[in-house]
Each structure stands twice: as structure tokens, then as C-alpha cells.
Protein backbone atom coordinates (compact mmCIF):
# COMPACT_ATOMS: atom_id res chain seq x y z
CA VAL A 1 205.83 139.27 86.54
CA GLN A 2 204.84 140.36 89.93
CA LEU A 3 202.06 142.50 91.18
CA VAL A 4 202.82 144.01 94.41
CA GLU A 5 200.05 145.75 96.36
CA SER A 6 200.18 148.22 99.24
CA GLY A 7 198.07 150.66 101.20
CA GLY A 8 195.74 148.48 102.90
CA GLY A 9 194.86 148.73 106.73
CA LEU A 10 192.45 149.60 109.44
CA VAL A 11 190.18 152.56 109.16
CA GLN A 12 187.17 153.90 110.71
CA ALA A 13 183.89 154.19 108.89
CA GLY A 14 183.85 157.36 106.76
CA GLY A 15 187.53 157.24 106.30
CA SER A 16 189.64 156.88 103.17
CA LEU A 17 192.61 154.54 102.06
CA ARG A 18 194.43 154.48 98.83
CA LEU A 19 195.66 151.14 97.44
CA SER A 20 198.43 150.75 94.93
CA CYS A 21 199.48 147.93 92.85
CA ALA A 22 202.74 147.95 90.77
CA ALA A 23 203.36 145.57 88.09
CA SER A 24 207.11 144.62 87.39
CA GLY A 25 208.85 142.17 84.96
CA SER A 26 209.39 141.89 81.30
CA ILE A 27 206.11 143.60 80.46
CA ARG A 28 205.46 144.61 76.96
CA SER A 29 202.02 146.13 77.39
CA ILE A 30 199.28 146.05 79.95
CA ASN A 31 195.62 145.70 78.84
CA ALA A 32 193.21 145.65 81.88
CA MET A 33 194.23 146.49 85.39
CA ASN A 34 191.41 145.74 87.99
CA TRP A 35 190.76 145.58 91.66
CA TYR A 36 188.79 142.72 93.22
CA ARG A 37 187.92 142.03 96.75
CA GLN A 38 186.88 139.02 98.82
CA ALA A 39 185.13 139.21 102.02
CA PRO A 40 184.99 136.32 104.53
CA GLY A 41 182.55 133.63 103.36
CA LYS A 42 181.89 135.42 100.07
CA GLN A 43 183.02 134.98 96.50
CA ARG A 44 185.63 137.31 94.98
CA GLU A 45 183.96 140.18 93.13
CA LEU A 46 185.11 142.82 90.71
CA VAL A 47 185.27 146.16 92.51
CA ALA A 48 186.84 148.47 89.86
CA ALA A 49 188.24 147.89 86.37
CA SER A 50 190.35 150.05 84.04
CA THR A 51 191.26 149.36 80.44
CA SER A 52 194.32 150.41 78.43
CA GLY A 53 192.14 152.99 76.65
CA GLY A 54 191.26 154.79 79.97
CA GLY A 55 187.85 153.29 80.32
CA THR A 56 186.70 152.54 83.96
CA ASN A 57 183.83 150.53 85.48
CA TYR A 58 182.60 149.92 89.03
CA VAL A 59 180.39 147.80 91.14
CA ASP A 60 177.29 149.56 91.96
CA SER A 61 178.18 149.46 95.78
CA VAL A 62 181.24 151.59 95.38
CA LYS A 63 180.20 154.14 92.66
CA GLY A 64 180.71 157.56 93.75
CA ARG A 65 182.99 156.43 96.63
CA PHE A 66 186.03 154.62 94.92
CA THR A 67 188.04 155.86 92.06
CA ILE A 68 190.53 153.63 89.98
CA SER A 69 193.52 155.25 88.17
CA ARG A 70 196.51 154.15 86.33
CA ASP A 71 199.98 155.44 85.78
CA ASN A 72 201.08 153.52 82.48
CA VAL A 73 204.69 154.75 82.74
CA LYS A 74 205.02 153.17 86.21
CA ASN A 75 202.70 150.20 85.40
CA THR A 76 200.79 150.90 88.49
CA VAL A 77 197.17 150.98 89.29
CA TYR A 78 195.56 152.77 92.29
CA LEU A 79 192.31 152.58 93.99
CA GLN A 80 191.43 155.64 96.05
CA MET A 81 188.57 154.54 98.56
CA ASN A 82 186.52 157.35 100.30
CA SER A 83 183.64 157.15 102.60
CA LEU A 84 184.53 153.71 103.59
CA LYS A 85 181.92 151.51 105.09
CA PRO A 86 182.24 148.30 107.28
CA GLU A 87 180.87 146.37 104.31
CA ASP A 88 183.82 147.25 102.37
CA THR A 89 185.94 145.05 104.75
CA ALA A 90 187.72 142.47 102.61
CA VAL A 91 191.02 141.26 101.13
CA TYR A 92 191.49 143.47 98.09
CA TYR A 93 193.35 141.87 95.07
CA CYS A 94 195.07 143.62 92.12
CA TYR A 95 194.61 141.79 88.66
CA ALA A 96 196.41 142.53 85.44
CA ASN A 97 195.91 141.27 81.92
CA LEU A 98 199.13 141.99 80.23
CA VAL A 99 201.70 140.94 77.37
CA VAL A 100 204.80 139.22 78.40
CA GLY A 101 207.24 137.87 75.63
CA GLY A 102 204.36 138.13 73.07
CA LYS A 103 202.04 136.29 75.23
CA ILE A 104 198.92 137.62 76.97
CA GLY A 105 198.37 136.34 80.55
CA ASN A 106 196.47 137.05 83.68
CA TYR A 107 198.26 137.81 86.85
CA TRP A 108 197.16 138.45 90.44
CA GLY A 109 198.69 140.25 93.49
CA GLN A 110 199.07 138.68 96.86
CA GLY A 111 196.22 140.73 98.35
CA THR A 112 195.93 143.43 101.00
CA GLN A 113 193.60 143.61 103.91
CA VAL A 114 191.18 146.38 104.32
CA THR A 115 189.23 146.61 107.51
CA VAL A 116 186.70 149.21 108.22
CA SER A 117 185.41 149.52 111.77
CA SER A 118 182.04 150.89 112.67
């Protein structure tokens, strides 16, 4: 199983970016697909979460600015980030809890850098 992220980059404050994370492999089903981020010197934090039932949850600092969505046919999760702030600068990681060969496992992407300049 692989999680491949894309869409990071450098943007000015107030700008937008869209991150994508595609899961591939012998996946039977996907439960949660989430986005985390880790800024230099800080712990990794959950930014946005999505459940197989369509539920979503966000950390307070991104509510109203970020939107998580999923394409269950493509096994892909997206993070639309609007009104970006310098404090959003971090490496963003995709996470998935999914079923492979009858077993549930946790998987991580390699991370994609998001840099917001002031």
C-alpha cells in the first residue's frame, strides 16, 4: 500500500493550495483518511479528518479555511486550503486507516511541504 501526496508548494499569505493523496495497492476498504501537519520544532497535529461515512472534523485553527474531501472511487483524499497564513507553514502528511487482505492497518504518506510567505 502506498499513499502518494501532491500539491504542496510556496504561496503568499491569503493564497490557496490543494493537496491530494492517492492510496494504491490491494485495498479492500478505507476507513479514515486524514491530513496531519508538522511545523519545525512542533509536534505533528491532526488538521482535518474524514470518515468513511462522510463525517469531517477540523482543528480550530483551520475551520472555515480548509476543506477535506474524498473520492472513494479513486481512493483519494483532498485538502483545499484557502486564506493561507504563515502559521500554516509545515510538512503536511496524509494518513489512512484501511483494510488490506483482511487486516486493518495505518499508513502514512511521505509528506509534502507547504510554505506560506508573509
